[in-house]
Amino acid sequence: MNIYASCLLDKRAYEQAGAPIEAAITICQEEKDYTNLVVALNAKARYHIQKSEHPQAIDCYNKALEIAQSKDDKNGMSLSHLNLGLEYATISNNSKSFEHLKKSIEIDSL
């Protein structure tokens, strides 16, 4: 994901961040850059969270997790599980939150 989109998210300029995030996702898909695609999908999830679009955020995190798993990207898997765990805690789904947080810790300890 590009630095511009990241800065927009950090500055809470969420409406402006959508287009650069989508552009980053498209470029990563075209270039088959799966590591950065996972990062961009996690950023897109963050974008949805800021707009209180929790189901869309969970969908992005799950897509990122699926890609990371298919490429055996341990960092991407851990990040996606961590973010899923935090998001499920936000929406009070404690069992799914615990499940994903536990998986993130397990991956990090390998």
C-alpha atoms as a PDB file:
ATOM      1  CA  MET A   1       0.000   0.000   0.000  1.00  0.00           C
ATOM      2  CA  ASN A   2       1.290   3.421  -0.729  1.00  0.00           C
ATOM      3  CA  ILE A   3       2.405   5.846   1.909  1.00  0.00           C
ATOM      4  CA  TYR A   4      -0.190   8.404   0.832  1.00  0.00           C
ATOM      5  CA  ALA A   5      -3.094   6.100   1.715  1.00  0.00           C
ATOM      6  CA  SER A   6      -1.442   5.174   5.002  1.00  0.00           C
ATOM      7  CA  CYS A   7      -1.007   8.833   5.921  1.00  0.00           C
ATOM      8  CA  LEU A   8      -4.634   9.556   5.070  1.00  0.00           C
ATOM      9  CA  LEU A   9      -5.766   6.760   7.366  1.00  0.00           C
ATOM     10  CA  ASP A  10      -3.474   8.007  10.132  1.00  0.00           C
ATOM     11  CA  LYS A  11      -4.849  11.526   9.750  1.00  0.00           C
ATOM     12  CA  ARG A  12      -8.409  10.181   9.740  1.00  0.00           C
ATOM     13  CA  ALA A  13      -9.081  11.421   6.219  1.00  0.00           C
ATOM     14  CA  TYR A  14     -10.998   8.222   5.573  1.00  0.00           C
ATOM     15  CA  GLU A  15     -13.040   9.303   2.568  1.00  0.00           C
ATOM     16  CA  GLN A  16      -9.865  10.301   0.736  1.00  0.00           C
ATOM     17  CA  ALA A  17      -8.065   7.062   1.624  1.00  0.00           C
ATOM     18  CA  GLY A  18     -10.451   4.756  -0.243  1.00  0.00           C
ATOM     19  CA  ALA A  19      -9.199   5.429  -3.784  1.00  0.00           C
ATOM     20  CA  PRO A  20      -5.460   5.023  -3.051  1.00  0.00           C
ATOM     21  CA  ILE A  21      -6.142   1.799  -1.138  1.00  0.00           C
ATOM     22  CA  GLU A  22      -8.149   0.400  -4.062  1.00  0.00           C
ATOM     23  CA  ALA A  23      -5.360   1.445  -6.438  1.00  0.00           C
ATOM     24  CA  ALA A  24      -2.784  -0.333  -4.276  1.00  0.00           C
ATOM     25  CA  ILE A  25      -4.910  -3.496  -4.234  1.00  0.00           C
ATOM     26  CA  THR A  26      -5.272  -3.415  -8.031  1.00  0.00           C
ATOM     27  CA  ILE A  27      -1.545  -2.910  -8.597  1.00  0.00           C
ATOM     28  CA  CYS A  28      -0.637  -5.688  -6.165  1.00  0.00           C
ATOM     29  CA  GLN A  29      -3.063  -8.059  -7.888  1.00  0.00           C
ATOM     30  CA  GLU A  30      -1.718  -7.199 -11.346  1.00  0.00           C
ATOM     31  CA  GLU A  31       1.899  -7.582 -10.207  1.00  0.00           C
ATOM     32  CA  LYS A  32       1.135 -10.716  -8.180  1.00  0.00           C
ATOM     33  CA  ASP A  33       2.703  -8.988  -5.166  1.00  0.00           C
ATOM     34  CA  TYR A  34       0.936 -11.046  -2.537  1.00  0.00           C
ATOM     35  CA  THR A  35       2.860  -9.740   0.471  1.00  0.00           C
ATOM     36  CA  ASN A  36       1.797  -6.156  -0.203  1.00  0.00           C
ATOM     37  CA  LEU A  37      -1.684  -7.293  -1.224  1.00  0.00           C
ATOM     38  CA  VAL A  38      -2.131  -8.680   2.289  1.00  0.00           C
ATOM     39  CA  VAL A  39      -0.992  -5.324   3.699  1.00  0.00           C
ATOM     40  CA  ALA A  40      -3.337  -3.402   1.392  1.00  0.00           C
ATOM     41  CA  LEU A  41      -6.319  -5.610   2.300  1.00  0.00           C
ATOM     42  CA  ASN A  42      -5.586  -5.066   5.987  1.00  0.00           C
ATOM     43  CA  ALA A  43      -5.540  -1.305   5.295  1.00  0.00           C
ATOM     44  CA  LYS A  44      -8.853  -1.578   3.457  1.00  0.00           C
ATOM     45  CA  ALA A  45     -10.283  -3.332   6.505  1.00  0.00           C
ATOM     46  CA  ARG A  46      -9.058  -0.479   8.692  1.00  0.00           C
ATOM     47  CA  TYR A  47     -10.783   1.929   6.311  1.00  0.00           C
ATOM     48  CA  HIS A  48     -14.062   0.009   6.724  1.00  0.00           C
ATOM     49  CA  ILE A  49     -13.700  -0.078  10.502  1.00  0.00           C
ATOM     50  CA  GLN A  50     -13.404   3.696  10.614  1.00  0.00           C
ATOM     51  CA  LYS A  51     -16.692   3.882   8.723  1.00  0.00           C
ATOM     52  CA  SER A  52     -18.289   1.366  11.143  1.00  0.00           C
ATOM     53  CA  GLU A  53     -18.563  -1.181   8.326  1.00  0.00           C
ATOM     54  CA  HIS A  54     -17.553  -4.167  10.417  1.00  0.00           C
ATOM     55  CA  PRO A  55     -18.758  -7.000   8.136  1.00  0.00           C
ATOM     56  CA  GLN A  56     -16.768  -5.511   5.244  1.00  0.00           C
ATOM     57  CA  ALA A  57     -13.701  -5.179   7.463  1.00  0.00           C
ATOM     58  CA  ILE A  58     -13.945  -8.820   8.508  1.00  0.00           C
ATOM     59  CA  ASP A  59     -14.296  -9.808   4.854  1.00  0.00           C
ATOM     60  CA  CYS A  60     -11.084  -7.906   3.971  1.00  0.00           C
ATOM     61  CA  TYR A  61      -9.193  -9.480   6.856  1.00  0.00           C
ATOM     62  CA  ASN A  62     -10.384 -12.931   5.798  1.00  0.00           C
ATOM     63  CA  LYS A  63      -9.286 -12.310   2.201  1.00  0.00           C
ATOM     64  CA  ALA A  64      -5.882 -11.190   3.450  1.00  0.00           C
ATOM     65  CA  LEU A  65      -5.649 -14.273   5.662  1.00  0.00           C
ATOM     66  CA  GLU A  66      -6.570 -16.588   2.780  1.00  0.00           C
ATOM     67  CA  ILE A  67      -3.855 -15.084   0.556  1.00  0.00           C
ATOM     68  CA  ALA A  68      -1.261 -15.221   3.331  1.00  0.00           C
ATOM     69  CA  GLN A  69      -2.090 -18.861   4.013  1.00  0.00           C
ATOM     70  CA  SER A  70      -1.878 -19.779   0.329  1.00  0.00           C
ATOM     71  CA  LYS A  71       1.639 -18.267   0.173  1.00  0.00           C
ATOM     72  CA  ASP A  72       2.736 -19.561   3.590  1.00  0.00           C
ATOM     73  CA  ASP A  73       3.321 -15.939   4.610  1.00  0.00           C
ATOM     74  CA  LYS A  74       3.664 -16.274   8.382  1.00  0.00           C
ATOM     75  CA  ASN A  75       3.786 -12.524   9.011  1.00  0.00           C
ATOM     76  CA  GLY A  76       0.683 -11.959   6.909  1.00  0.00           C
ATOM     77  CA  MET A  77      -1.146 -14.810   8.635  1.00  0.00           C
ATOM     78  CA  SER A  78      -0.225 -13.535  12.084  1.00  0.00           C
ATOM     79  CA  LEU A  79      -1.211  -9.954  11.209  1.00  0.00           C
ATOM     80  CA  SER A  80      -4.538 -11.030   9.728  1.00  0.00           C
ATOM     81  CA  HIS A  81      -5.378 -13.289  12.688  1.00  0.00           C
ATOM     82  CA  LEU A  82      -4.437 -10.489  15.094  1.00  0.00           C
ATOM     83  CA  ASN A  83      -6.612  -7.971  13.272  1.00  0.00           C
ATOM     84  CA  LEU A  84      -9.508 -10.437  13.045  1.00  0.00           C
ATOM     85  CA  GLY A  85      -9.190 -11.077  16.773  1.00  0.00           C
ATOM     86  CA  LEU A  86      -9.260  -7.370  17.557  1.00  0.00           C
ATOM     87  CA  GLU A  87     -12.199  -6.749  15.228  1.00  0.00           C
ATOM     88  CA  TYR A  88     -14.228  -9.625  16.666  1.00  0.00           C
ATOM     89  CA  ALA A  89     -13.539  -8.221  20.154  1.00  0.00           C
ATOM     90  CA  THR A  90     -14.825  -4.848  18.957  1.00  0.00           C
ATOM     91  CA  ILE A  91     -18.132  -6.381  17.914  1.00  0.00           C
ATOM     92  CA  SER A  92     -18.283  -8.505  21.109  1.00  0.00           C
ATOM     93  CA  ASN A  93     -17.768 -11.899  19.480  1.00  0.00           C
ATOM     94  CA  ASN A  94     -15.404 -13.085  22.183  1.00  0.00           C
ATOM     95  CA  SER A  95     -15.127 -16.721  21.093  1.00  0.00           C
ATOM     96  CA  LYS A  96     -13.984 -15.778  17.566  1.00  0.00           C
ATOM     97  CA  SER A  97     -11.774 -13.066  19.005  1.00  0.00           C
ATOM     98  CA  PHE A  98     -10.009 -15.557  21.266  1.00  0.00           C
ATOM     99  CA  GLU A  99      -9.680 -18.089  18.432  1.00  0.00           C
ATOM    100  CA  HIS A 100      -7.932 -15.615  16.111  1.00  0.00           C
ATOM    101  CA  LEU A 101      -5.750 -14.040  18.790  1.00  0.00           C
ATOM    102  CA  LYS A 102      -4.610 -17.504  19.873  1.00  0.00           C
ATOM    103  CA  LYS A 103      -3.726 -18.411  16.269  1.00  0.00           C
ATOM    104  CA  SER A 104      -1.753 -15.186  15.880  1.00  0.00           C
ATOM    105  CA  ILE A 105       0.278 -15.971  19.004  1.00  0.00           C
ATOM    106  CA  GLU A 106       0.855 -19.552  17.868  1.00  0.00           C
ATOM    107  CA  ILE A 107       2.182 -18.398  14.492  1.00  0.00           C
ATOM    108  CA  ASP A 108       4.438 -15.825  16.115  1.00  0.00           C
ATOM    109  CA  SER A 109       5.933 -18.459  18.396  1.00  0.00           C
ATOM    110  CA  LEU A 110       6.997 -20.740  15.508  1.00  0.00           C
END
